[in-house]
C-alpha cells in the first residue's frame, strides 16, 4: 500500500475519529522524540527511535528541548563524591 493511500484510508480517518486536528504523519516522530526528551531518556536511545544516523543528529534537532540544568544528575554526582551524608 502506498504511503498516500495509507494516509487517506487509515491515518487521517483515525485522527478524525479521535478528534485530533489534522497533522502530518512526520509530526508524530517529532512529538515522540520530544516526549522522550521530556522524560529524560538517554539520547542514544532517543536517536534510535526516529532512526537518526547519530546522537549528534538527534541533538542538533532537539537540543533546544533539553533542560539547561539536570538537578537529579547534580544530586547524584554530589552523593557519589561526598557520600549519602550530604546536607539537604
C-alpha atoms as a PDB file:
ATOM      1  CA  UNK A   1       0.000   0.000   0.000  1.00  0.00           C
ATOM      2  CA  UNK A   2       1.497   3.326  -0.999  1.00  0.00           C
ATOM      3  CA  UNK A   3       2.061   5.983   1.635  1.00  0.00           C
ATOM      4  CA  UNK A   4      -0.550   8.468   0.412  1.00  0.00           C
ATOM      5  CA  UNK A   5      -3.187   5.724   0.257  1.00  0.00           C
ATOM      6  CA  UNK A   6      -2.345   4.649   3.817  1.00  0.00           C
ATOM      7  CA  UNK A   7      -2.704   8.232   4.988  1.00  0.00           C
ATOM      8  CA  UNK A   8      -6.061   8.737   3.263  1.00  0.00           C
ATOM      9  CA  UNK A   9      -7.555   5.360   4.207  1.00  0.00           C
ATOM     10  CA  UNK A  10      -6.228   4.936   7.733  1.00  0.00           C
ATOM     11  CA  UNK A  11      -4.248   7.779   9.297  1.00  0.00           C
ATOM     12  CA  UNK A  12      -6.500  10.787   8.573  1.00  0.00           C
ATOM     13  CA  UNK A  13      -9.724   8.915   9.411  1.00  0.00           C
ATOM     14  CA  UNK A  14      -8.133   7.769  12.692  1.00  0.00           C
ATOM     15  CA  UNK A  15      -7.249  11.366  13.552  1.00  0.00           C
ATOM     16  CA  UNK A  16     -10.821  12.430  12.804  1.00  0.00           C
ATOM     17  CA  UNK A  17     -12.308   9.641  14.952  1.00  0.00           C
ATOM     18  CA  UNK A  18     -10.005  10.627  17.806  1.00  0.00           C
ATOM     19  CA  UNK A  19     -10.975  14.285  17.486  1.00  0.00           C
ATOM     20  CA  UNK A  20      -7.392  15.303  16.713  1.00  0.00           C
ATOM     21  CA  UNK A  21      -6.708  18.097  14.243  1.00  0.00           C
ATOM     22  CA  UNK A  22      -5.061  17.031  11.008  1.00  0.00           C
ATOM     23  CA  UNK A  23      -1.307  16.797  11.408  1.00  0.00           C
ATOM     24  CA  UNK A  24       1.441  15.496   9.207  1.00  0.00           C
ATOM     25  CA  UNK A  25       2.450  11.903   9.867  1.00  0.00           C
ATOM     26  CA  UNK A  26       6.035  13.146  10.197  1.00  0.00           C
ATOM     27  CA  UNK A  27       4.947  15.338  13.125  1.00  0.00           C
ATOM     28  CA  UNK A  28       4.382  12.170  15.153  1.00  0.00           C
ATOM     29  CA  UNK A  29       8.118  11.458  15.018  1.00  0.00           C
ATOM     30  CA  UNK A  30       8.904  14.881  16.449  1.00  0.00           C
ATOM     31  CA  UNK A  31       6.271  14.560  19.151  1.00  0.00           C
ATOM     32  CA  UNK A  32       7.526  11.107  20.137  1.00  0.00           C
ATOM     33  CA  UNK A  33      11.172  12.220  20.340  1.00  0.00           C
ATOM     34  CA  UNK A  34      10.192  15.383  22.223  1.00  0.00           C
ATOM     35  CA  UNK A  35       8.259  13.372  24.799  1.00  0.00           C
ATOM     36  CA  UNK A  36      11.215  11.019  25.283  1.00  0.00           C
ATOM     37  CA  UNK A  37      13.476  14.020  25.911  1.00  0.00           C
ATOM     38  CA  UNK A  38      10.970  15.446  28.391  1.00  0.00           C
ATOM     39  CA  UNK A  39      11.015  12.107  30.249  1.00  0.00           C
ATOM     40  CA  UNK A  40      14.793  12.289  30.470  1.00  0.00           C
ATOM     41  CA  UNK A  41      15.500   9.248  28.294  1.00  0.00           C
ATOM     42  CA  UNK A  42      19.029   8.517  27.159  1.00  0.00           C
ATOM     43  CA  UNK A  43      19.959  10.411  23.977  1.00  0.00           C
ATOM     44  CA  UNK A  44      21.365   7.245  22.384  1.00  0.00           C
ATOM     45  CA  UNK A  45      18.013   5.506  22.854  1.00  0.00           C
ATOM     46  CA  UNK A  46      16.139   8.533  21.515  1.00  0.00           C
ATOM     47  CA  UNK A  47      18.441   8.580  18.467  1.00  0.00           C
ATOM     48  CA  UNK A  48      17.434   5.031  17.546  1.00  0.00           C
ATOM     49  CA  UNK A  49      13.699   5.680  17.691  1.00  0.00           C
ATOM     50  CA  UNK A  50      13.315   8.096  14.756  1.00  0.00           C
ATOM     51  CA  UNK A  51      16.257   6.397  13.025  1.00  0.00           C
ATOM     52  CA  UNK A  52      18.725   9.265  13.177  1.00  0.00           C
ATOM     53  CA  UNK A  53      22.214   8.381  11.991  1.00  0.00           C
ATOM     54  CA  UNK A  54      23.869   9.518  15.223  1.00  0.00           C
ATOM     55  CA  UNK A  55      23.124  11.080  18.617  1.00  0.00           C
ATOM     56  CA  UNK A  56      24.696  14.258  17.235  1.00  0.00           C
ATOM     57  CA  UNK A  57      21.959  14.441  14.609  1.00  0.00           C
ATOM     58  CA  UNK A  58      19.305  13.999  17.308  1.00  0.00           C
ATOM     59  CA  UNK A  59      20.896  16.672  19.485  1.00  0.00           C
ATOM     60  CA  UNK A  60      21.110  19.111  16.575  1.00  0.00           C
ATOM     61  CA  UNK A  61      17.335  18.802  16.114  1.00  0.00           C
ATOM     62  CA  UNK A  62      16.186  18.566  19.739  1.00  0.00           C
ATOM     63  CA  UNK A  63      18.869  20.215  21.909  1.00  0.00           C
ATOM     64  CA  UNK A  64      16.633  23.244  22.492  1.00  0.00           C
ATOM     65  CA  UNK A  65      14.222  20.987  24.387  1.00  0.00           C
ATOM     66  CA  UNK A  66      16.812  19.731  26.837  1.00  0.00           C
ATOM     67  CA  UNK A  67      16.709  21.226  30.297  1.00  0.00           C
ATOM     68  CA  UNK A  68      19.691  23.505  30.964  1.00  0.00           C
ATOM     69  CA  UNK A  69      20.170  22.108  34.474  1.00  0.00           C
ATOM     70  CA  UNK A  70      19.711  18.487  35.398  1.00  0.00           C
ATOM     71  CA  UNK A  71      19.105  18.694  39.123  1.00  0.00           C
ATOM     72  CA  UNK A  72      18.830  14.914  39.552  1.00  0.00           C
ATOM     73  CA  UNK A  73      22.222  14.352  37.898  1.00  0.00           C
ATOM     74  CA  UNK A  74      23.813  17.049  40.027  1.00  0.00           C
ATOM     75  CA  UNK A  75      22.468  15.455  43.233  1.00  0.00           C
ATOM     76  CA  UNK A  76      23.600  12.014  42.093  1.00  0.00           C
ATOM     77  CA  UNK A  77      27.120  13.302  41.374  1.00  0.00           C
ATOM     78  CA  UNK A  78      27.209  15.125  44.695  1.00  0.00           C
ATOM     79  CA  UNK A  79      26.271  11.910  46.532  1.00  0.00           C
ATOM     80  CA  UNK A  80      28.897   9.968  44.588  1.00  0.00           C
ATOM     81  CA  UNK A  81      31.610  12.439  45.540  1.00  0.00           C
ATOM     82  CA  UNK A  82      30.574  13.289  49.094  1.00  0.00           C
ATOM     83  CA  UNK A  83      28.509  10.251  50.095  1.00  0.00           C
ATOM     84  CA  UNK A  84      24.961   9.995  51.415  1.00  0.00           C
ATOM     85  CA  UNK A  85      25.676  12.382  54.309  1.00  0.00           C
ATOM     86  CA  UNK A  86      25.193  15.462  52.115  1.00  0.00           C
ATOM     87  CA  UNK A  87      23.045  18.136  53.754  1.00  0.00           C
ATOM     88  CA  UNK A  88      19.666  18.536  52.126  1.00  0.00           C
END
